[in-house]
Amino acid sequence: MEFPSKLIENAVGELAKLPGIGRKTALRLALHLLKAETETTSSLAEALAKMRYDIRYCATCYNISDTEECSICANPLRDRSTVCVVSDIRDVIAIENTGQYQGVYHVLGGVISPIEGIGPADLHIEPLVDRMKGQESEVKEVILAISPTMEGDTTAFYLTRRLREFPDVHISSIARGIPVGGELEYADEITLGRSIVERQRQNR
């Protein structure tokens, strides 16, 4: 693809690095921004820069946040006796969109994947254990809302064994309304919400 400007070529190259954006789409976006008001392009650039450099991760659950504690953990109306463990921040957004869950979360930051060199120590598993060990811990149930892929099942199995030291805490997993091999973020809200409501207790 030939470009009349090196600056346009550079912009297209950067936009094309985004997931789901091919070079043709990237070119359309670049040309749109070029034609737009200067303030529009400046506002977009500023918003992206602030997101990248100013966003924080919740000190409690590792959800994205503008402050030290995310809005969910800071909400006194949320049920702190139930912790929903997810692999990714996108899963928090997906579950919140169902409107079926009123507990709190814990974001692992990925799943166990030996092929990719990701082990338990690379995830936020120990902070979850420490969170449950605390003297003020109210946790009575841990929901494993992890995508039913091979890596997800491996992670759920590891967590179930790891949490055996808390015999009074129920370990449950979302119902298999989610297709095996599927990703939570792509499930429709009704199916995902029903999976949370009809979660099943894990044997350990």
N, C-alpha and C. Protein backbone atom coordinates (compact mmCIF):
# COMPACT_ATOMS: atom_id res chain seq x y z
N MET A 1 0.85 -1.19 0.00
CA MET A 1 0.00 0.00 0.00
C MET A 1 0.89 1.24 0.00
N GLU A 2 0.72 2.08 -1.04
CA GLU A 2 1.51 3.28 -1.17
C GLU A 2 0.84 4.45 -0.45
N PHE A 3 1.62 5.28 0.21
CA PHE A 3 1.09 6.44 0.93
C PHE A 3 1.72 7.72 0.40
N PRO A 4 0.90 8.78 0.28
CA PRO A 4 1.45 10.06 -0.19
C PRO A 4 2.23 10.80 0.88
N SER A 5 2.15 10.31 2.13
CA SER A 5 2.81 10.98 3.24
C SER A 5 3.38 9.95 4.20
N LYS A 6 4.61 10.19 4.64
CA LYS A 6 5.23 9.31 5.62
C LYS A 6 4.50 9.39 6.95
N LEU A 7 3.94 10.57 7.27
CA LEU A 7 3.21 10.74 8.53
C LEU A 7 1.94 9.90 8.53
N ILE A 8 1.24 9.87 7.38
CA ILE A 8 0.05 9.03 7.26
C ILE A 8 0.45 7.56 7.37
N GLU A 9 1.53 7.20 6.71
CA GLU A 9 2.01 5.81 6.77
C GLU A 9 2.31 5.38 8.20
N ASN A 10 2.94 6.26 8.96
CA ASN A 10 3.25 5.94 10.35
C ASN A 10 1.99 5.79 11.18
N ALA A 11 1.02 6.70 10.96
CA ALA A 11 -0.25 6.63 11.71
C ALA A 11 -1.00 5.35 11.39
N VAL A 12 -1.03 4.98 10.10
CA VAL A 12 -1.71 3.75 9.70
C VAL A 12 -1.01 2.54 10.32
N GLY A 13 0.31 2.57 10.32
CA GLY A 13 1.06 1.46 10.91
C GLY A 13 0.74 1.26 12.38
N GLU A 14 0.60 2.35 13.12
CA GLU A 14 0.29 2.26 14.55
C GLU A 14 -1.15 1.80 14.77
N LEU A 15 -2.10 2.36 14.00
CA LEU A 15 -3.50 1.97 14.15
C LEU A 15 -3.72 0.51 13.78
N ALA A 16 -2.97 0.03 12.79
CA ALA A 16 -3.12 -1.35 12.35
C ALA A 16 -2.62 -2.36 13.38
N LYS A 17 -1.91 -1.89 14.40
CA LYS A 17 -1.46 -2.77 15.47
C LYS A 17 -2.58 -3.12 16.44
N LEU A 18 -3.68 -2.36 16.38
CA LEU A 18 -4.82 -2.61 17.26
C LEU A 18 -5.53 -3.89 16.83
N PRO A 19 -6.07 -4.67 17.78
CA PRO A 19 -6.75 -5.92 17.42
C PRO A 19 -7.98 -5.66 16.56
N GLY A 20 -8.11 -6.44 15.49
CA GLY A 20 -9.28 -6.33 14.63
C GLY A 20 -9.21 -5.19 13.63
N ILE A 21 -8.09 -4.47 13.59
CA ILE A 21 -7.94 -3.34 12.66
C ILE A 21 -6.92 -3.70 11.58
N GLY A 22 -7.42 -3.83 10.34
CA GLY A 22 -6.52 -4.07 9.23
C GLY A 22 -5.98 -2.76 8.69
N ARG A 23 -5.11 -2.83 7.70
CA ARG A 23 -4.49 -1.61 7.19
C ARG A 23 -5.50 -0.72 6.46
N LYS A 24 -6.48 -1.32 5.79
CA LYS A 24 -7.48 -0.50 5.10
C LYS A 24 -8.34 0.27 6.09
N THR A 25 -8.75 -0.43 7.15
CA THR A 25 -9.52 0.23 8.20
C THR A 25 -8.68 1.29 8.89
N ALA A 26 -7.42 0.97 9.12
CA ALA A 26 -6.51 1.93 9.75
C ALA A 26 -6.37 3.18 8.89
N LEU A 27 -6.32 3.00 7.57
CA LEU A 27 -6.21 4.15 6.67
C LEU A 27 -7.46 5.01 6.74
N ARG A 28 -8.63 4.37 6.78
CA ARG A 28 -9.89 5.14 6.89
C ARG A 28 -9.91 5.94 8.18
N LEU A 29 -9.48 5.32 9.28
CA LEU A 29 -9.45 6.01 10.57
C LEU A 29 -8.48 7.19 10.54
N ALA A 30 -7.31 6.96 9.96
CA ALA A 30 -6.30 8.02 9.90
C ALA A 30 -6.79 9.19 9.07
N LEU A 31 -7.43 8.91 7.94
CA LEU A 31 -7.94 9.98 7.08
C LEU A 31 -9.10 10.71 7.74
N HIS A 32 -9.91 9.96 8.50
CA HIS A 32 -11.02 10.59 9.24
C HIS A 32 -10.47 11.58 10.27
N LEU A 33 -9.45 11.14 11.01
CA LEU A 33 -8.84 12.02 12.01
C LEU A 33 -8.16 13.22 11.36
N LEU A 34 -7.62 13.01 10.17
CA LEU A 34 -6.96 14.11 9.46
C LEU A 34 -7.97 15.19 9.05
N LYS A 35 -9.18 14.74 8.66
CA LYS A 35 -10.20 15.67 8.21
C LYS A 35 -10.96 16.30 9.39
N ALA A 36 -10.94 15.64 10.53
CA ALA A 36 -11.71 16.11 11.69
C ALA A 36 -11.12 17.41 12.25
N GLU A 37 -11.90 18.05 13.10
CA GLU A 37 -11.42 19.26 13.77
C GLU A 37 -10.16 18.92 14.58
N THR A 38 -9.26 19.88 14.67
CA THR A 38 -8.02 19.66 15.41
C THR A 38 -8.30 19.26 16.85
N GLU A 39 -9.35 19.85 17.45
CA GLU A 39 -9.69 19.55 18.84
C GLU A 39 -10.10 18.08 19.00
N THR A 40 -10.75 17.51 17.95
CA THR A 40 -11.18 16.12 18.02
C THR A 40 -9.98 15.19 18.12
N THR A 41 -9.01 15.41 17.24
CA THR A 41 -7.81 14.58 17.25
C THR A 41 -7.01 14.79 18.53
N SER A 42 -6.93 16.02 18.98
CA SER A 42 -6.18 16.32 20.21
C SER A 42 -6.84 15.68 21.42
N SER A 43 -8.18 15.72 21.46
CA SER A 43 -8.91 15.12 22.58
C SER A 43 -8.71 13.61 22.62
N LEU A 44 -8.72 12.98 21.44
CA LEU A 44 -8.50 11.53 21.38
C LEU A 44 -7.10 11.19 21.87
N ALA A 45 -6.11 11.93 21.38
CA ALA A 45 -4.72 11.66 21.77
C ALA A 45 -4.54 11.87 23.27
N GLU A 46 -5.16 12.92 23.81
CA GLU A 46 -5.03 13.20 25.24
C GLU A 46 -5.71 12.12 26.08
N ALA A 47 -6.90 11.67 25.63
CA ALA A 47 -7.63 10.64 26.37
C ALA A 47 -6.84 9.33 26.40
N LEU A 48 -6.24 8.96 25.27
CA LEU A 48 -5.45 7.73 25.21
C LEU A 48 -4.21 7.83 26.08
N ALA A 49 -3.55 8.99 26.06
CA ALA A 49 -2.35 9.17 26.87
C ALA A 49 -2.67 9.12 28.36
N LYS A 50 -3.77 9.76 28.76
CA LYS A 50 -4.16 9.75 30.18
C LYS A 50 -4.55 8.35 30.61
N MET A 51 -5.25 7.62 29.73
CA MET A 51 -5.62 6.24 30.06
C MET A 51 -4.38 5.40 30.29
N ARG A 52 -3.39 5.57 29.40
CA ARG A 52 -2.18 4.74 29.49
C ARG A 52 -1.32 5.06 30.70
N TYR A 53 -1.21 6.33 31.04
CA TYR A 53 -0.26 6.72 32.08
C TYR A 53 -0.90 6.97 33.45
N ASP A 54 -2.19 7.27 33.48
CA ASP A 54 -2.82 7.65 34.75
C ASP A 54 -3.70 6.57 35.36
N ILE A 55 -4.10 5.58 34.56
CA ILE A 55 -4.99 4.56 35.10
C ILE A 55 -4.25 3.70 36.12
N ARG A 56 -4.98 3.22 37.12
CA ARG A 56 -4.38 2.42 38.18
C ARG A 56 -5.10 1.09 38.29
N TYR A 57 -4.55 0.22 39.10
CA TYR A 57 -5.19 -1.07 39.37
C TYR A 57 -5.57 -1.11 40.84
N CYS A 58 -6.79 -1.55 41.09
CA CYS A 58 -7.31 -1.59 42.46
C CYS A 58 -6.37 -2.39 43.37
N ALA A 59 -6.04 -1.83 44.51
CA ALA A 59 -5.13 -2.47 45.45
C ALA A 59 -5.73 -3.73 46.06
N THR A 60 -7.05 -3.87 45.96
CA THR A 60 -7.73 -5.03 46.56
C THR A 60 -8.00 -6.13 45.54
N CYS A 61 -8.61 -5.76 44.41
CA CYS A 61 -9.05 -6.80 43.46
C CYS A 61 -8.33 -6.78 42.12
N TYR A 62 -7.51 -5.78 41.85
CA TYR A 62 -6.75 -5.64 40.61
C TYR A 62 -7.62 -5.29 39.41
N ASN A 63 -8.81 -4.76 39.65
CA ASN A 63 -9.63 -4.21 38.58
C ASN A 63 -9.04 -2.85 38.20
N ILE A 64 -9.31 -2.38 36.99
CA ILE A 64 -8.82 -1.06 36.61
C ILE A 64 -9.58 0.00 37.40
N SER A 65 -8.89 1.09 37.70
CA SER A 65 -9.49 2.10 38.56
C SER A 65 -8.80 3.44 38.34
N ASP A 66 -9.52 4.51 38.67
CA ASP A 66 -8.92 5.85 38.64
C ASP A 66 -8.29 6.19 39.98
N THR A 67 -8.63 5.40 41.01
CA THR A 67 -8.13 5.65 42.36
C THR A 67 -7.53 4.37 42.92
N GLU A 68 -7.01 4.43 44.15
CA GLU A 68 -6.37 3.25 44.74
C GLU A 68 -7.34 2.09 44.89
N GLU A 69 -8.60 2.40 45.16
CA GLU A 69 -9.63 1.36 45.29
C GLU A 69 -10.67 1.57 44.22
N CYS A 70 -11.06 0.50 43.50
CA CYS A 70 -12.02 0.65 42.42
C CYS A 70 -13.41 0.94 42.96
N SER A 71 -14.29 1.36 42.08
CA SER A 71 -15.64 1.76 42.48
C SER A 71 -16.44 0.58 43.04
N ILE A 72 -16.14 -0.63 42.59
CA ILE A 72 -16.87 -1.81 43.09
C ILE A 72 -16.45 -2.13 44.51
N CYS A 73 -15.15 -2.17 44.77
CA CYS A 73 -14.66 -2.46 46.12
C CYS A 73 -15.06 -1.35 47.09
N ALA A 74 -15.16 -0.13 46.60
CA ALA A 74 -15.48 1.00 47.46
C ALA A 74 -16.97 1.13 47.73
N ASN A 75 -17.78 0.38 47.00
CA ASN A 75 -19.24 0.47 47.15
C ASN A 75 -19.68 -0.31 48.39
N PRO A 76 -20.23 0.38 49.41
CA PRO A 76 -20.63 -0.31 50.64
C PRO A 76 -21.83 -1.24 50.45
N LEU A 77 -22.51 -1.13 49.32
CA LEU A 77 -23.69 -1.96 49.07
C LEU A 77 -23.32 -3.31 48.44
N ARG A 78 -22.06 -3.48 48.04
CA ARG A 78 -21.66 -4.75 47.44
C ARG A 78 -21.47 -5.81 48.53
N ASP A 79 -21.80 -7.05 48.20
CA ASP A 79 -21.70 -8.17 49.13
C ASP A 79 -20.26 -8.67 49.19
N ARG A 80 -19.56 -8.37 50.27
CA ARG A 80 -18.17 -8.76 50.41
C ARG A 80 -17.98 -10.20 50.84
N SER A 81 -19.06 -10.90 51.07
CA SER A 81 -18.94 -12.31 51.44
C SER A 81 -18.77 -13.20 50.21
N THR A 82 -18.99 -12.64 49.03
CA THR A 82 -18.87 -13.39 47.79
C THR A 82 -17.83 -12.74 46.89
N VAL A 83 -16.82 -13.51 46.51
CA VAL A 83 -15.76 -13.01 45.63
C VAL A 83 -15.80 -13.79 44.32
N CYS A 84 -15.96 -13.07 43.23
CA CYS A 84 -15.98 -13.69 41.90
C CYS A 84 -14.59 -13.56 41.30
N VAL A 85 -13.95 -14.69 41.06
CA VAL A 85 -12.59 -14.71 40.52
C VAL A 85 -12.66 -14.81 39.00
N VAL A 86 -12.06 -13.85 38.31
CA VAL A 86 -12.04 -13.84 36.85
C VAL A 86 -10.59 -13.74 36.38
N SER A 87 -10.37 -14.07 35.13
CA SER A 87 -9.00 -14.02 34.61
C SER A 87 -8.63 -12.66 34.07
N ASP A 88 -9.63 -11.90 33.63
CA ASP A 88 -9.33 -10.66 32.91
C ASP A 88 -10.32 -9.56 33.28
N ILE A 89 -9.88 -8.32 33.15
CA ILE A 89 -10.73 -7.17 33.45
C ILE A 89 -11.97 -7.15 32.56
N ARG A 90 -11.82 -7.63 31.32
CA ARG A 90 -12.97 -7.67 30.41
C ARG A 90 -14.08 -8.55 30.94
N ASP A 91 -13.71 -9.58 31.73
CA ASP A 91 -14.72 -10.46 32.32
C ASP A 91 -15.52 -9.73 33.40
N VAL A 92 -14.86 -8.84 34.14
CA VAL A 92 -15.58 -8.02 35.13
C VAL A 92 -16.64 -7.19 34.43
N ILE A 93 -16.26 -6.56 33.34
CA ILE A 93 -17.19 -5.71 32.58
C ILE A 93 -18.35 -6.55 32.06
N ALA A 94 -18.05 -7.74 31.54
CA ALA A 94 -19.09 -8.61 30.99
C ALA A 94 -20.08 -9.03 32.06
N ILE A 95 -19.58 -9.44 33.24
CA ILE A 95 -20.46 -9.88 34.32
C ILE A 95 -21.26 -8.71 34.88
N GLU A 96 -20.63 -7.55 35.02
CA GLU A 96 -21.35 -6.38 35.52
C GLU A 96 -22.49 -6.00 34.59
N ASN A 97 -22.32 -6.20 33.30
CA ASN A 97 -23.36 -5.85 32.33
C ASN A 97 -24.58 -6.75 32.44
N THR A 98 -24.44 -7.91 33.10
CA THR A 98 -25.61 -8.79 33.27
C THR A 98 -26.55 -8.27 34.34
N GLY A 99 -26.03 -7.52 35.31
CA GLY A 99 -26.85 -7.01 36.40
C GLY A 99 -27.29 -8.10 37.37
N GLN A 100 -26.65 -9.28 37.29
CA GLN A 100 -27.06 -10.42 38.11
C GLN A 100 -26.16 -10.66 39.32
N TYR A 101 -25.08 -9.93 39.43
CA TYR A 101 -24.11 -10.20 40.48
C TYR A 101 -23.87 -8.95 41.31
N GLN A 102 -23.91 -9.11 42.64
CA GLN A 102 -23.76 -7.98 43.54
C GLN A 102 -22.59 -8.14 44.52
N GLY A 103 -21.76 -9.14 44.28
CA GLY A 103 -20.60 -9.33 45.13
C GLY A 103 -19.41 -8.51 44.66
N VAL A 104 -18.21 -8.92 45.07
CA VAL A 104 -16.99 -8.24 44.65
C VAL A 104 -16.17 -9.19 43.78
N TYR A 105 -15.03 -8.71 43.29
CA TYR A 105 -14.24 -9.47 42.32
C TYR A 105 -12.79 -9.64 42.77
N HIS A 106 -12.12 -10.54 42.04
CA HIS A 106 -10.66 -10.65 42.13
C HIS A 106 -10.18 -11.01 40.73
N VAL A 107 -9.34 -10.15 40.15
CA VAL A 107 -8.85 -10.34 38.79
C VAL A 107 -7.47 -11.01 38.83
N LEU A 108 -7.36 -12.18 38.22
CA LEU A 108 -6.10 -12.93 38.26
C LEU A 108 -5.03 -12.33 37.35
N GLY A 109 -5.47 -11.70 36.28
CA GLY A 109 -4.50 -11.16 35.33
C GLY A 109 -4.05 -12.16 34.29
N GLY A 110 -4.86 -13.21 34.07
CA GLY A 110 -4.54 -14.23 33.08
C GLY A 110 -4.91 -15.61 33.57
N VAL A 111 -4.47 -16.62 32.86
CA VAL A 111 -4.72 -18.01 33.24
C VAL A 111 -3.40 -18.77 33.16
N ILE A 112 -3.34 -19.90 33.85
CA ILE A 112 -2.15 -20.74 33.82
C ILE A 112 -1.99 -21.34 32.42
N SER A 113 -0.85 -21.11 31.81
CA SER A 113 -0.60 -21.61 30.46
C SER A 113 0.87 -21.98 30.32
N PRO A 114 1.21 -23.24 30.58
CA PRO A 114 2.61 -23.67 30.48
C PRO A 114 3.22 -23.39 29.11
N ILE A 115 2.41 -23.49 28.04
CA ILE A 115 2.92 -23.27 26.69
C ILE A 115 3.44 -21.84 26.54
N GLU A 116 2.74 -20.90 27.19
CA GLU A 116 3.14 -19.49 27.11
C GLU A 116 4.04 -19.10 28.27
N GLY A 117 4.39 -20.07 29.09
CA GLY A 117 5.29 -19.80 30.21
C GLY A 117 4.64 -19.06 31.36
N ILE A 118 3.32 -19.19 31.49
CA ILE A 118 2.59 -18.52 32.57
C ILE A 118 2.23 -19.54 33.63
N GLY A 119 2.78 -19.36 34.82
CA GLY A 119 2.51 -20.26 35.94
C GLY A 119 1.73 -19.54 37.03
N PRO A 120 1.38 -20.25 38.09
CA PRO A 120 0.61 -19.66 39.20
C PRO A 120 1.27 -18.42 39.79
N ALA A 121 2.60 -18.41 39.83
CA ALA A 121 3.32 -17.28 40.43
C ALA A 121 3.18 -16.00 39.59
N ASP A 122 2.78 -16.16 38.32
CA ASP A 122 2.64 -14.99 37.43
C ASP A 122 1.26 -14.35 37.55
N LEU A 123 0.37 -14.98 38.29
CA LEU A 123 -1.00 -14.48 38.45
C LEU A 123 -1.21 -13.94 39.86
N HIS A 124 -2.33 -13.24 40.04
CA HIS A 124 -2.65 -12.65 41.36
C HIS A 124 -3.37 -13.67 42.24
N ILE A 125 -2.73 -14.83 42.42
CA ILE A 125 -3.34 -15.89 43.23
C ILE A 125 -3.01 -15.71 44.71
N GLU A 126 -1.76 -15.44 45.02
CA GLU A 126 -1.39 -15.25 46.42
C GLU A 126 -2.10 -14.06 47.06
N PRO A 127 -2.28 -12.94 46.33
CA PRO A 127 -3.07 -11.84 46.91
C PRO A 127 -4.51 -12.25 47.24
N LEU A 128 -5.07 -13.17 46.45
CA LEU A 128 -6.41 -13.68 46.75
C LEU A 128 -6.39 -14.47 48.05
N VAL A 129 -5.38 -15.33 48.22
CA VAL A 129 -5.25 -16.11 49.44
C VAL A 129 -5.05 -15.19 50.64
N ASP A 130 -4.18 -14.20 50.48
CA ASP A 130 -3.94 -13.25 51.57
C ASP A 130 -5.22 -12.48 51.92
N ARG A 131 -5.98 -12.17 50.89
CA ARG A 131 -7.24 -11.45 51.10
C ARG A 131 -8.21 -12.27 51.94
N MET A 132 -8.19 -13.58 51.76
CA MET A 132 -9.09 -14.46 52.50
C MET A 132 -8.56 -14.76 53.88
N LYS A 133 -7.25 -14.63 54.08
CA LYS A 133 -6.65 -14.91 55.38
C LYS A 133 -6.83 -13.76 56.36
N GLY A 134 -7.08 -12.58 55.86
CA GLY A 134 -7.16 -11.40 56.71
C GLY A 134 -8.15 -11.56 57.85
N GLN A 135 -7.84 -10.99 58.99
CA GLN A 135 -8.72 -11.11 60.16
C GLN A 135 -10.09 -10.52 59.91
N GLU A 136 -10.17 -9.54 59.03
CA GLU A 136 -11.45 -8.90 58.74
C GLU A 136 -12.13 -9.50 57.52
N SER A 137 -11.62 -10.62 57.06
CA SER A 137 -12.19 -11.26 55.86
C SER A 137 -13.64 -11.69 56.11
N GLU A 138 -14.51 -11.34 55.18
CA GLU A 138 -15.92 -11.72 55.26
C GLU A 138 -16.27 -12.79 54.23
N VAL A 139 -15.27 -13.31 53.51
CA VAL A 139 -15.51 -14.20 52.39
C VAL A 139 -16.12 -15.53 52.83
N LYS A 140 -17.27 -15.85 52.24
CA LYS A 140 -17.95 -17.12 52.50
C LYS A 140 -18.06 -17.97 51.24
N GLU A 141 -17.91 -17.31 50.09
CA GLU A 141 -17.99 -18.05 48.83
C GLU A 141 -17.05 -17.43 47.81
N VAL A 142 -16.37 -18.31 47.06
CA VAL A 142 -15.53 -17.88 45.95
C VAL A 142 -16.11 -18.49 44.68
N ILE A 143 -16.48 -17.64 43.74
CA ILE A 143 -17.01 -18.12 42.47
C ILE A 143 -15.90 -18.10 41.43
N LEU A 144 -15.62 -19.23 40.82
CA LEU A 144 -14.60 -19.30 39.78
C LEU A 144 -15.28 -19.06 38.43
N ALA A 145 -15.24 -17.81 37.99
CA ALA A 145 -15.86 -17.43 36.71
C ALA A 145 -14.76 -17.30 35.66
N ILE A 146 -14.21 -18.44 35.29
CA ILE A 146 -13.09 -18.48 34.36
C ILE A 146 -13.53 -19.19 33.09
N SER A 147 -13.15 -18.65 31.95
CA SER A 147 -13.57 -19.22 30.67
C SER A 147 -13.26 -20.71 30.61
N PRO A 148 -14.21 -21.54 30.13
CA PRO A 148 -14.03 -23.01 30.12
C PRO A 148 -13.14 -23.50 28.98
N THR A 149 -11.94 -22.95 28.90
CA THR A 149 -10.93 -23.44 27.97
C THR A 149 -10.02 -24.40 28.71
N MET A 150 -9.09 -25.03 28.02
CA MET A 150 -8.16 -25.94 28.69
C MET A 150 -7.36 -25.20 29.76
N GLU A 151 -6.87 -24.00 29.39
CA GLU A 151 -6.10 -23.21 30.34
C GLU A 151 -6.97 -22.73 31.49
N GLY A 152 -8.22 -22.36 31.17
CA GLY A 152 -9.14 -21.90 32.21
C GLY A 152 -9.47 -23.00 33.20
N ASP A 153 -9.70 -24.21 32.69
CA ASP A 153 -9.99 -25.35 33.57
C ASP A 153 -8.79 -25.71 34.43
N THR A 154 -7.59 -25.59 33.86
CA THR A 154 -6.36 -25.85 34.63
C THR A 154 -6.24 -24.85 35.77
N THR A 155 -6.54 -23.59 35.47
CA THR A 155 -6.48 -22.53 36.49
C THR A 155 -7.51 -22.76 37.58
N ALA A 156 -8.73 -23.12 37.18
CA ALA A 156 -9.80 -23.37 38.15
C ALA A 156 -9.44 -24.56 39.05
N PHE A 157 -8.86 -25.60 38.46
CA PHE A 157 -8.46 -26.78 39.23
C PHE A 157 -7.39 -26.41 40.24
N TYR A 158 -6.41 -25.61 39.81
CA TYR A 158 -5.34 -25.19 40.72
C TYR A 158 -5.90 -24.36 41.87
N LEU A 159 -6.80 -23.43 41.55
CA LEU A 159 -7.38 -22.57 42.58
C LEU A 159 -8.20 -23.38 43.58
N THR A 160 -8.94 -24.36 43.08
CA THR A 160 -9.75 -25.20 43.96
C THR A 160 -8.86 -25.92 44.98
N ARG A 161 -7.72 -26.45 44.52
CA ARG A 161 -6.79 -27.12 45.42
C ARG A 161 -6.10 -26.12 46.35
N ARG A 162 -5.78 -24.95 45.81
CA ARG A 162 -5.08 -23.93 46.60
C ARG A 162 -5.94 -23.40 47.73
N LEU A 163 -7.25 -23.37 47.52
CA LEU A 163 -8.15 -22.80 48.51
C LEU A 163 -8.69 -23.84 49.49
N ARG A 164 -8.12 -25.03 49.48
CA ARG A 164 -8.54 -26.07 50.41
C ARG A 164 -8.30 -25.68 51.86
N GLU A 165 -7.38 -24.76 52.07
CA GLU A 165 -7.07 -24.36 53.44
C GLU A 165 -8.18 -23.52 54.07
N PHE A 166 -9.22 -23.24 53.30
CA PHE A 166 -10.37 -22.50 53.82
C PHE A 166 -11.62 -23.37 53.73
N PRO A 167 -11.73 -24.36 54.62
CA PRO A 167 -12.83 -25.33 54.53
C PRO A 167 -14.22 -24.72 54.72
N ASP A 168 -14.28 -23.56 55.36
CA ASP A 168 -15.59 -22.93 55.59
C ASP A 168 -16.03 -22.05 54.43
N VAL A 169 -15.18 -21.93 53.42
CA VAL A 169 -15.52 -21.10 52.26
C VAL A 169 -15.98 -22.01 51.12
N HIS A 170 -17.17 -21.74 50.60
CA HIS A 170 -17.70 -22.52 49.48
C HIS A 170 -16.99 -22.10 48.19
N ILE A 171 -16.58 -23.09 47.40
CA ILE A 171 -15.97 -22.83 46.10
C ILE A 171 -16.97 -23.28 45.04
N SER A 172 -17.38 -22.35 44.21
CA SER A 172 -18.35 -22.69 43.15
C SER A 172 -17.83 -22.21 41.81
N SER A 173 -18.42 -22.72 40.74
CA SER A 173 -18.04 -22.29 39.40
C SER A 173 -19.30 -21.95 38.63
N ILE A 174 -19.16 -21.09 37.63
CA ILE A 174 -20.33 -20.70 36.87
C ILE A 174 -20.89 -21.92 36.13
N ALA A 175 -22.19 -21.95 35.95
CA ALA A 175 -22.85 -23.06 35.28
C ALA A 175 -22.36 -23.15 33.84
N ARG A 176 -22.44 -24.31 33.24
CA ARG A 176 -21.90 -24.52 31.91
C ARG A 176 -22.86 -24.05 30.81
N GLY A 177 -23.51 -22.91 31.05
CA GLY A 177 -24.26 -22.28 29.97
C GLY A 177 -23.28 -21.67 28.99
N ILE A 178 -22.04 -21.46 29.45
CA ILE A 178 -20.99 -20.97 28.59
C ILE A 178 -20.41 -22.16 27.83
N PRO A 179 -20.35 -22.11 26.48
CA PRO A 179 -19.84 -23.26 25.73
C PRO A 179 -18.39 -23.56 26.06
N VAL A 180 -18.05 -24.85 26.09
CA VAL A 180 -16.68 -25.26 26.36
C VAL A 180 -15.78 -24.68 25.29
N GLY A 181 -14.69 -24.07 25.72
CA GLY A 181 -13.77 -23.44 24.78
C GLY A 181 -14.13 -22.01 24.48
N GLY A 182 -15.23 -21.51 25.07
CA GLY A 182 -15.67 -20.15 24.81
C GLY A 182 -15.05 -19.15 25.76
N GLU A 183 -15.16 -17.88 25.42
CA GLU A 183 -14.65 -16.79 26.24
C GLU A 183 -15.81 -16.03 26.85
N LEU A 184 -15.68 -15.67 28.14
CA LEU A 184 -16.77 -15.00 28.84
C LEU A 184 -17.16 -13.69 28.16
N GLU A 185 -16.20 -12.94 27.70
CA GLU A 185 -16.51 -11.62 27.16
C GLU A 185 -17.38 -11.68 25.92
N TYR A 186 -17.43 -12.84 25.23
CA TYR A 186 -18.22 -12.96 24.02
C TYR A 186 -19.59 -13.59 24.28
N ALA A 187 -19.86 -14.02 25.51
CA ALA A 187 -21.15 -14.62 25.83
C ALA A 187 -22.22 -13.53 25.93
N ASP A 188 -23.44 -13.87 25.50
CA ASP A 188 -24.51 -12.88 25.63
C ASP A 188 -24.85 -12.69 27.10
N GLU A 189 -25.41 -11.53 27.44
CA GLU A 189 -25.63 -11.16 28.84
C GLU A 189 -26.60 -12.10 29.55
N ILE A 190 -27.62 -12.59 28.84
CA ILE A 190 -28.60 -13.48 29.46
C ILE A 190 -27.95 -14.80 29.86
N THR A 191 -27.17 -15.39 28.93
CA THR A 191 -26.49 -16.65 29.22
C THR A 191 -25.48 -16.49 30.35
N LEU A 192 -24.69 -15.43 30.29
CA LEU A 192 -23.69 -15.19 31.32
C LEU A 192 -24.33 -14.94 32.67
N GLY A 193 -25.41 -14.15 32.68
CA GLY A 193 -26.11 -13.88 33.94
C GLY A 193 -26.69 -15.14 34.54
N ARG A 194 -27.26 -16.01 33.69
CA ARG A 194 -27.82 -17.27 34.19
C ARG A 194 -26.72 -18.17 34.72
N SER A 195 -25.55 -18.13 34.09
CA SER A 195 -24.43 -18.95 34.55
C SER A 195 -23.96 -18.53 35.94
N ILE A 196 -24.01 -17.23 36.21
CA ILE A 196 -23.63 -16.73 37.54
C ILE A 196 -24.67 -17.16 38.57
N VAL A 197 -25.95 -16.96 38.25
CA VAL A 197 -27.03 -17.29 39.19
C VAL A 197 -27.06 -18.78 39.50
N GLU A 198 -26.82 -19.62 38.45
CA GLU A 198 -26.92 -21.07 38.61
C GLU A 198 -25.55 -21.73 38.80
N ARG A 199 -24.63 -21.00 39.41
CA ARG A 199 -23.29 -21.53 39.63
C ARG A 199 -23.34 -22.82 40.45
N GLN A 200 -22.32 -23.64 40.30
CA GLN A 200 -22.28 -24.94 40.94
C GLN A 200 -21.12 -25.01 41.92
N ARG A 201 -21.36 -25.68 43.03
CA ARG A 201 -20.30 -25.83 44.03
C ARG A 201 -19.25 -26.81 43.53
N GLN A 202 -17.97 -26.45 43.76
CA GLN A 202 -16.86 -27.29 43.32
C GLN A 202 -16.54 -28.34 44.38
N ASN A 203 -16.19 -29.54 43.94
CA ASN A 203 -15.72 -30.56 44.86
C ASN A 203 -14.22 -30.36 45.09
N ARG A 204 -13.78 -30.52 46.33
CA ARG A 204 -12.35 -30.37 46.61
C ARG A 204 -11.91 -31.34 47.67
